[in-house]
Amino acid sequence: QQQQQQQDQPSKDTLADVERVMRSVRSEIKASQQQLDVAENELAVLAQREQQLHADVARLEAEANAKEQQLMQVVEAAADSVDNAAGKKKQKLLQQQEQQQ
């Protein structure tokens, strides 16, 4: 009977070791899963930021194009105004020359 107990004891120790290792492995798996969850959340946040940045860039490009068009219209209007003023000045000078002759 004592021999039977000695044979059972290593078996119990081995079982306890296996259970300890399994708890440790489960704990490591849980910690790894938590790290993975955190990384996935960070990735989702970064993806959302990237989308927002793309939207901001598109909006800024559209605003820049609109401003450029407005500026071109102002420049063209100013150029027309200068041309008109120059034309009137030239016409006035021609009239003065005709009057002098």
N, C-alpha and C. Protein backbone atom coordinates (compact mmCIF):
# COMPACT_ATOMS: atom_id res chain seq x y z
N GLN A 1 0.82 -1.20 0.00
CA GLN A 1 0.00 0.00 0.00
C GLN A 1 0.86 1.26 0.00
N GLN A 2 1.98 1.23 0.73
CA GLN A 2 2.87 2.39 0.75
C GLN A 2 3.48 2.60 -0.62
N GLN A 3 3.76 1.54 -1.29
CA GLN A 3 4.31 1.65 -2.65
C GLN A 3 3.29 2.29 -3.57
N GLN A 4 2.03 1.94 -3.40
CA GLN A 4 0.96 2.51 -4.22
C GLN A 4 0.88 4.01 -3.99
N GLN A 5 0.99 4.48 -2.73
CA GLN A 5 0.95 5.90 -2.44
C GLN A 5 2.12 6.63 -3.07
N GLN A 6 3.29 6.01 -3.07
CA GLN A 6 4.47 6.63 -3.67
C GLN A 6 4.28 6.76 -5.19
N GLN A 7 3.61 5.79 -5.78
CA GLN A 7 3.36 5.88 -7.22
C GLN A 7 2.32 6.94 -7.53
N ASP A 8 1.33 7.11 -6.65
CA ASP A 8 0.30 8.11 -6.85
C ASP A 8 0.85 9.53 -6.65
N GLN A 9 1.78 9.69 -5.75
CA GLN A 9 2.31 11.02 -5.43
C GLN A 9 2.95 11.69 -6.63
N PRO A 10 3.86 11.03 -7.37
CA PRO A 10 4.42 11.70 -8.55
C PRO A 10 3.32 12.07 -9.55
N SER A 11 2.31 11.27 -9.64
CA SER A 11 1.22 11.54 -10.55
C SER A 11 0.49 12.81 -10.11
N LYS A 12 0.25 12.98 -8.83
CA LYS A 12 -0.41 14.18 -8.31
C LYS A 12 0.47 15.41 -8.52
N ASP A 13 1.78 15.26 -8.29
CA ASP A 13 2.70 16.38 -8.51
C ASP A 13 2.72 16.79 -9.97
N THR A 14 2.73 15.79 -10.84
CA THR A 14 2.74 16.07 -12.27
C THR A 14 1.46 16.78 -12.67
N LEU A 15 0.34 16.33 -12.15
CA LEU A 15 -0.95 16.96 -12.45
C LEU A 15 -0.95 18.41 -11.96
N ALA A 16 -0.43 18.66 -10.77
CA ALA A 16 -0.36 20.02 -10.22
C ALA A 16 0.54 20.89 -11.11
N ASP A 17 1.65 20.33 -11.58
CA ASP A 17 2.54 21.08 -12.47
C ASP A 17 1.84 21.43 -13.78
N VAL A 18 1.11 20.48 -14.32
CA VAL A 18 0.39 20.70 -15.58
C VAL A 18 -0.66 21.79 -15.38
N GLU A 19 -1.39 21.72 -14.26
CA GLU A 19 -2.40 22.74 -14.00
C GLU A 19 -1.77 24.12 -13.84
N ARG A 20 -0.64 24.19 -13.18
CA ARG A 20 0.08 25.45 -13.00
C ARG A 20 0.52 26.02 -14.35
N VAL A 21 1.06 25.16 -15.19
CA VAL A 21 1.49 25.59 -16.52
C VAL A 21 0.29 26.06 -17.34
N MET A 22 -0.82 25.34 -17.25
CA MET A 22 -2.01 25.72 -18.01
C MET A 22 -2.54 27.08 -17.55
N ARG A 23 -2.53 27.32 -16.22
CA ARG A 23 -2.96 28.62 -15.71
C ARG A 23 -2.04 29.73 -16.23
N SER A 24 -0.77 29.43 -16.23
CA SER A 24 0.21 30.41 -16.72
C SER A 24 -0.01 30.71 -18.20
N VAL A 25 -0.24 29.67 -18.98
CA VAL A 25 -0.47 29.84 -20.42
C VAL A 25 -1.76 30.63 -20.65
N ARG A 26 -2.81 30.29 -19.90
CA ARG A 26 -4.08 31.03 -20.03
C ARG A 26 -3.88 32.51 -19.70
N SER A 27 -3.11 32.76 -18.67
CA SER A 27 -2.83 34.14 -18.27
C SER A 27 -2.07 34.88 -19.38
N GLU A 28 -1.10 34.23 -19.97
CA GLU A 28 -0.34 34.84 -21.07
C GLU A 28 -1.23 35.08 -22.29
N ILE A 29 -2.11 34.13 -22.57
CA ILE A 29 -3.04 34.29 -23.70
C ILE A 29 -3.96 35.48 -23.45
N LYS A 30 -4.46 35.59 -22.22
CA LYS A 30 -5.35 36.70 -21.88
C LYS A 30 -4.61 38.04 -22.03
N ALA A 31 -3.40 38.11 -21.53
CA ALA A 31 -2.60 39.35 -21.64
C ALA A 31 -2.33 39.68 -23.11
N SER A 32 -2.01 38.67 -23.89
CA SER A 32 -1.76 38.88 -25.33
C SER A 32 -3.02 39.36 -26.03
N GLN A 33 -4.17 38.81 -25.67
CA GLN A 33 -5.45 39.22 -26.27
C GLN A 33 -5.75 40.67 -25.92
N GLN A 34 -5.45 41.05 -24.68
CA GLN A 34 -5.67 42.44 -24.28
C GLN A 34 -4.76 43.38 -25.08
N GLN A 35 -3.51 42.98 -25.26
CA GLN A 35 -2.59 43.79 -26.06
C GLN A 35 -3.08 43.89 -27.50
N LEU A 36 -3.58 42.80 -28.03
CA LEU A 36 -4.12 42.79 -29.39
C LEU A 36 -5.33 43.71 -29.49
N ASP A 37 -6.21 43.66 -28.50
CA ASP A 37 -7.39 44.54 -28.49
C ASP A 37 -6.97 46.01 -28.48
N VAL A 38 -5.99 46.34 -27.65
CA VAL A 38 -5.50 47.72 -27.58
C VAL A 38 -4.92 48.13 -28.94
N ALA A 39 -4.13 47.27 -29.53
CA ALA A 39 -3.52 47.58 -30.83
C ALA A 39 -4.59 47.76 -31.91
N GLU A 40 -5.62 46.92 -31.89
CA GLU A 40 -6.70 47.04 -32.87
C GLU A 40 -7.46 48.35 -32.68
N ASN A 41 -7.68 48.75 -31.43
CA ASN A 41 -8.35 50.03 -31.16
C ASN A 41 -7.50 51.20 -31.66
N GLU A 42 -6.20 51.13 -31.39
CA GLU A 42 -5.30 52.20 -31.86
C GLU A 42 -5.30 52.26 -33.39
N LEU A 43 -5.31 51.11 -34.02
CA LEU A 43 -5.35 51.06 -35.48
C LEU A 43 -6.64 51.67 -36.02
N ALA A 44 -7.75 51.38 -35.36
CA ALA A 44 -9.03 51.95 -35.78
C ALA A 44 -9.02 53.47 -35.64
N VAL A 45 -8.45 53.96 -34.54
CA VAL A 45 -8.35 55.41 -34.34
C VAL A 45 -7.48 56.03 -35.43
N LEU A 46 -6.37 55.39 -35.74
CA LEU A 46 -5.48 55.91 -36.78
C LEU A 46 -6.15 55.90 -38.15
N ALA A 47 -6.91 54.86 -38.44
CA ALA A 47 -7.63 54.79 -39.71
C ALA A 47 -8.66 55.92 -39.80
N GLN A 48 -9.33 56.18 -38.69
CA GLN A 48 -10.31 57.27 -38.66
C GLN A 48 -9.62 58.62 -38.86
N ARG A 49 -8.48 58.80 -38.22
CA ARG A 49 -7.72 60.05 -38.40
C ARG A 49 -7.27 60.20 -39.85
N GLU A 50 -6.84 59.10 -40.45
CA GLU A 50 -6.41 59.15 -41.84
C GLU A 50 -7.56 59.60 -42.74
N GLN A 51 -8.75 59.03 -42.52
CA GLN A 51 -9.91 59.42 -43.31
C GLN A 51 -10.22 60.90 -43.13
N GLN A 52 -10.12 61.37 -41.88
CA GLN A 52 -10.40 62.78 -41.60
C GLN A 52 -9.38 63.67 -42.30
N LEU A 53 -8.11 63.24 -42.29
CA LEU A 53 -7.07 64.02 -42.96
C LEU A 53 -7.30 64.09 -44.46
N HIS A 54 -7.72 62.96 -45.05
CA HIS A 54 -8.02 62.96 -46.49
C HIS A 54 -9.18 63.92 -46.78
N ALA A 55 -10.19 63.89 -45.93
CA ALA A 55 -11.33 64.79 -46.11
C ALA A 55 -10.89 66.25 -45.96
N ASP A 56 -10.03 66.51 -44.98
CA ASP A 56 -9.52 67.88 -44.78
C ASP A 56 -8.71 68.34 -45.98
N VAL A 57 -7.87 67.47 -46.52
CA VAL A 57 -7.07 67.82 -47.69
C VAL A 57 -7.97 68.13 -48.88
N ALA A 58 -8.98 67.30 -49.10
CA ALA A 58 -9.90 67.53 -50.22
C ALA A 58 -10.63 68.86 -50.04
N ARG A 59 -11.05 69.14 -48.82
CA ARG A 59 -11.75 70.40 -48.54
C ARG A 59 -10.82 71.59 -48.78
N LEU A 60 -9.59 71.48 -48.28
CA LEU A 60 -8.63 72.58 -48.46
C LEU A 60 -8.27 72.79 -49.93
N GLU A 61 -8.16 71.71 -50.68
CA GLU A 61 -7.88 71.84 -52.11
C GLU A 61 -9.04 72.53 -52.82
N ALA A 62 -10.26 72.18 -52.45
CA ALA A 62 -11.44 72.81 -53.06
C ALA A 62 -11.48 74.30 -52.70
N GLU A 63 -11.19 74.62 -51.46
CA GLU A 63 -11.17 76.03 -51.03
C GLU A 63 -10.07 76.79 -51.78
N ALA A 64 -8.90 76.17 -51.92
CA ALA A 64 -7.79 76.82 -52.62
C ALA A 64 -8.16 77.06 -54.09
N ASN A 65 -8.80 76.09 -54.71
CA ASN A 65 -9.21 76.26 -56.11
C ASN A 65 -10.23 77.39 -56.24
N ALA A 66 -11.17 77.46 -55.32
CA ALA A 66 -12.18 78.52 -55.35
C ALA A 66 -11.52 79.88 -55.15
N LYS A 67 -10.59 79.98 -54.22
CA LYS A 67 -9.87 81.25 -53.98
C LYS A 67 -9.06 81.64 -55.21
N GLU A 68 -8.43 80.64 -55.83
CA GLU A 68 -7.64 80.91 -57.03
C GLU A 68 -8.53 81.47 -58.15
N GLN A 69 -9.70 80.87 -58.32
CA GLN A 69 -10.63 81.36 -59.34
C GLN A 69 -11.08 82.78 -59.02
N GLN A 70 -11.38 83.04 -57.76
CA GLN A 70 -11.77 84.40 -57.36
C GLN A 70 -10.65 85.39 -57.64
N LEU A 71 -9.44 85.00 -57.30
CA LEU A 71 -8.28 85.88 -57.52
C LEU A 71 -8.08 86.14 -59.00
N MET A 72 -8.24 85.10 -59.81
CA MET A 72 -8.09 85.28 -61.26
C MET A 72 -9.16 86.25 -61.79
N GLN A 73 -10.37 86.16 -61.27
CA GLN A 73 -11.43 87.08 -61.70
C GLN A 73 -11.08 88.52 -61.31
N VAL A 74 -10.55 88.69 -60.10
CA VAL A 74 -10.14 90.03 -59.65
C VAL A 74 -9.02 90.56 -60.54
N VAL A 75 -8.04 89.71 -60.83
CA VAL A 75 -6.91 90.13 -61.68
C VAL A 75 -7.41 90.49 -63.08
N GLU A 76 -8.30 89.66 -63.63
CA GLU A 76 -8.83 89.94 -64.97
C GLU A 76 -9.63 91.24 -64.97
N ALA A 77 -10.43 91.47 -63.92
CA ALA A 77 -11.20 92.71 -63.82
C ALA A 77 -10.26 93.91 -63.71
N ALA A 78 -9.21 93.77 -62.94
CA ALA A 78 -8.23 94.85 -62.80
C ALA A 78 -7.54 95.11 -64.13
N ALA A 79 -7.18 94.05 -64.83
CA ALA A 79 -6.53 94.21 -66.14
C ALA A 79 -7.48 94.89 -67.12
N ASP A 80 -8.75 94.49 -67.12
CA ASP A 80 -9.74 95.14 -67.99
C ASP A 80 -9.87 96.61 -67.64
N SER A 81 -9.89 96.90 -66.34
CA SER A 81 -10.00 98.29 -65.90
C SER A 81 -8.80 99.11 -66.35
N VAL A 82 -7.62 98.53 -66.24
CA VAL A 82 -6.40 99.22 -66.69
C VAL A 82 -6.45 99.42 -68.21
N ASP A 83 -6.89 98.40 -68.94
CA ASP A 83 -7.01 98.52 -70.40
C ASP A 83 -8.00 99.62 -70.78
N ASN A 84 -9.14 99.64 -70.06
CA ASN A 84 -10.15 100.67 -70.34
C ASN A 84 -9.60 102.06 -70.05
N ALA A 85 -8.91 102.20 -68.93
CA ALA A 85 -8.34 103.50 -68.57
C ALA A 85 -7.30 103.91 -69.60
N ALA A 86 -6.48 102.97 -70.03
CA ALA A 86 -5.45 103.28 -71.03
C ALA A 86 -6.11 103.66 -72.35
N GLY A 87 -7.18 102.95 -72.71
CA GLY A 87 -7.90 103.27 -73.94
C GLY A 87 -8.51 104.67 -73.89
N LYS A 88 -9.09 105.02 -72.77
CA LYS A 88 -9.67 106.36 -72.61
C LYS A 88 -8.59 107.43 -72.67
N LYS A 89 -7.47 107.14 -72.03
CA LYS A 89 -6.35 108.10 -72.01
C LYS A 89 -5.84 108.30 -73.43
N LYS A 90 -5.72 107.21 -74.16
CA LYS A 90 -5.23 107.28 -75.53
C LYS A 90 -6.22 108.07 -76.40
N GLN A 91 -7.49 107.79 -76.21
CA GLN A 91 -8.52 108.51 -76.96
C GLN A 91 -8.49 110.00 -76.64
N LYS A 92 -8.31 110.32 -75.38
CA LYS A 92 -8.25 111.71 -74.96
C LYS A 92 -7.03 112.41 -75.59
N LEU A 93 -5.89 111.70 -75.59
CA LEU A 93 -4.68 112.27 -76.20
C LEU A 93 -4.89 112.50 -77.69
N LEU A 94 -5.54 111.54 -78.35
CA LEU A 94 -5.80 111.71 -79.80
C LEU A 94 -6.70 112.91 -80.05
N GLN A 95 -7.70 113.07 -79.18
CA GLN A 95 -8.61 114.22 -79.33
C GLN A 95 -7.85 115.53 -79.12
N GLN A 96 -6.95 115.54 -78.15
CA GLN A 96 -6.17 116.75 -77.89
C GLN A 96 -5.27 117.08 -79.09
N GLN A 97 -4.69 116.04 -79.66
CA GLN A 97 -3.81 116.25 -80.82
C GLN A 97 -4.63 116.80 -82.01
N GLU A 98 -5.82 116.28 -82.18
CA GLU A 98 -6.68 116.75 -83.27
C GLU A 98 -7.07 118.20 -83.03
N GLN A 99 -7.34 118.56 -81.83
CA GLN A 99 -7.74 119.93 -81.51
C GLN A 99 -6.57 120.89 -81.72
N GLN A 100 -5.37 120.42 -81.47
CA GLN A 100 -4.20 121.27 -81.64
C GLN A 100 -3.90 121.49 -83.12
N GLN A 101 -4.31 120.60 -83.93
CA GLN A 101 -4.00 120.74 -85.35
C GLN A 101 -5.01 121.56 -86.01
